[in-house]
């Protein structure tokens, strides 16, 4: 079963370089939810990029589960140039 994971907004201390390149950070997901989201964004004409989250991307209650971090991906999208 896929699901999204609660995330914190990126801190203002370090700007997200992907956002500066024109990518929009959408959410963190895993499993079927991730696959469906990627397929949907691609059908809508978006470029899709997946990145590994770090413990800083997760809420405090999720940050200690480093094994789970390897399963989740941050979904970024942007309109093609």
Protein backbone atom coordinates (compact mmCIF):
# COMPACT_ATOMS: atom_id res chain seq x y z
CA UNK A 1 0.00 0.00 0.00
CA UNK A 2 1.41 3.38 -0.95
CA UNK A 3 1.05 6.47 1.13
CA UNK A 4 2.42 9.94 1.51
CA UNK A 5 4.58 10.83 4.45
CA UNK A 6 4.19 13.97 6.55
CA UNK A 7 6.92 16.42 5.65
CA UNK A 8 8.20 19.66 6.99
CA UNK A 9 8.54 22.62 4.75
CA UNK A 10 12.19 23.09 3.83
CA UNK A 11 13.82 25.47 6.25
CA UNK A 12 14.63 28.97 5.14
CA UNK A 13 18.25 28.47 6.20
CA UNK A 14 19.34 26.58 3.09
CA UNK A 15 17.48 27.20 -0.16
CA UNK A 16 16.58 24.09 -2.12
CA UNK A 17 18.81 24.12 -5.23
CA UNK A 18 16.22 22.20 -7.24
CA UNK A 19 13.60 24.85 -6.53
CA UNK A 20 16.10 27.46 -7.70
CA UNK A 21 16.41 25.46 -10.96
CA UNK A 22 12.66 25.71 -11.52
CA UNK A 23 11.51 22.44 -9.92
CA UNK A 24 8.50 22.49 -7.59
CA UNK A 25 8.71 20.29 -4.52
CA UNK A 26 5.41 18.37 -4.28
CA UNK A 27 5.53 15.71 -1.52
CA UNK A 28 7.23 12.55 -0.27
CA UNK A 29 5.67 9.21 -1.23
CA UNK A 30 6.34 5.48 -1.48
CA UNK A 31 4.93 2.44 -3.26
CA UNK A 32 1.85 2.59 -5.44
CA UNK A 33 1.14 6.21 -4.45
CA UNK A 34 4.57 7.21 -5.77
CA UNK A 35 4.14 5.26 -9.02
CA UNK A 36 0.65 6.66 -9.61
CA UNK A 37 1.77 10.22 -8.92
CA UNK A 38 4.73 10.00 -11.29
CA UNK A 39 2.52 8.54 -14.04
CA UNK A 40 -0.13 11.22 -13.53
CA UNK A 41 2.31 14.14 -13.60
CA UNK A 42 3.95 12.72 -16.73
CA UNK A 43 0.53 12.33 -18.42
CA UNK A 44 -0.15 15.97 -17.59
CA UNK A 45 3.06 16.95 -19.39
CA UNK A 46 5.31 17.63 -16.40
CA UNK A 47 8.93 16.65 -16.05
CA UNK A 48 9.25 14.56 -12.89
CA UNK A 49 12.32 14.17 -10.71
CA UNK A 50 12.62 11.88 -7.68
CA UNK A 51 15.11 12.51 -4.89
CA UNK A 52 16.00 10.60 -1.73
CA UNK A 53 14.80 12.35 1.44
CA UNK A 54 17.04 12.98 4.42
CA UNK A 55 16.08 12.88 8.08
CA UNK A 56 15.72 16.68 7.89
CA UNK A 57 12.87 16.27 5.38
CA UNK A 58 10.73 14.26 7.79
CA UNK A 59 8.83 15.17 10.90
CA UNK A 60 10.53 14.38 14.19
CA UNK A 61 8.54 11.18 14.75
CA UNK A 62 9.72 9.76 11.40
CA UNK A 63 13.34 10.92 11.32
CA UNK A 64 14.82 8.02 13.26
CA UNK A 65 13.68 5.35 10.82
CA UNK A 66 16.62 5.54 8.41
CA UNK A 67 15.70 2.24 6.72
CA UNK A 68 12.35 3.69 5.68
CA UNK A 69 14.10 6.71 4.18
CA UNK A 70 15.53 4.45 1.49
CA UNK A 71 12.02 3.54 0.31
CA UNK A 72 10.57 7.06 0.08
CA UNK A 73 11.19 9.65 -2.61
CA UNK A 74 10.62 13.40 -2.77
CA UNK A 75 8.59 14.20 -5.88
CA UNK A 76 9.59 17.33 -7.80
CA UNK A 77 7.87 18.52 -10.97
CA UNK A 78 8.29 21.28 -13.52
CA UNK A 79 6.84 22.23 -16.85
CA UNK A 80 9.10 21.33 -19.77
CA UNK A 81 11.04 24.23 -21.24
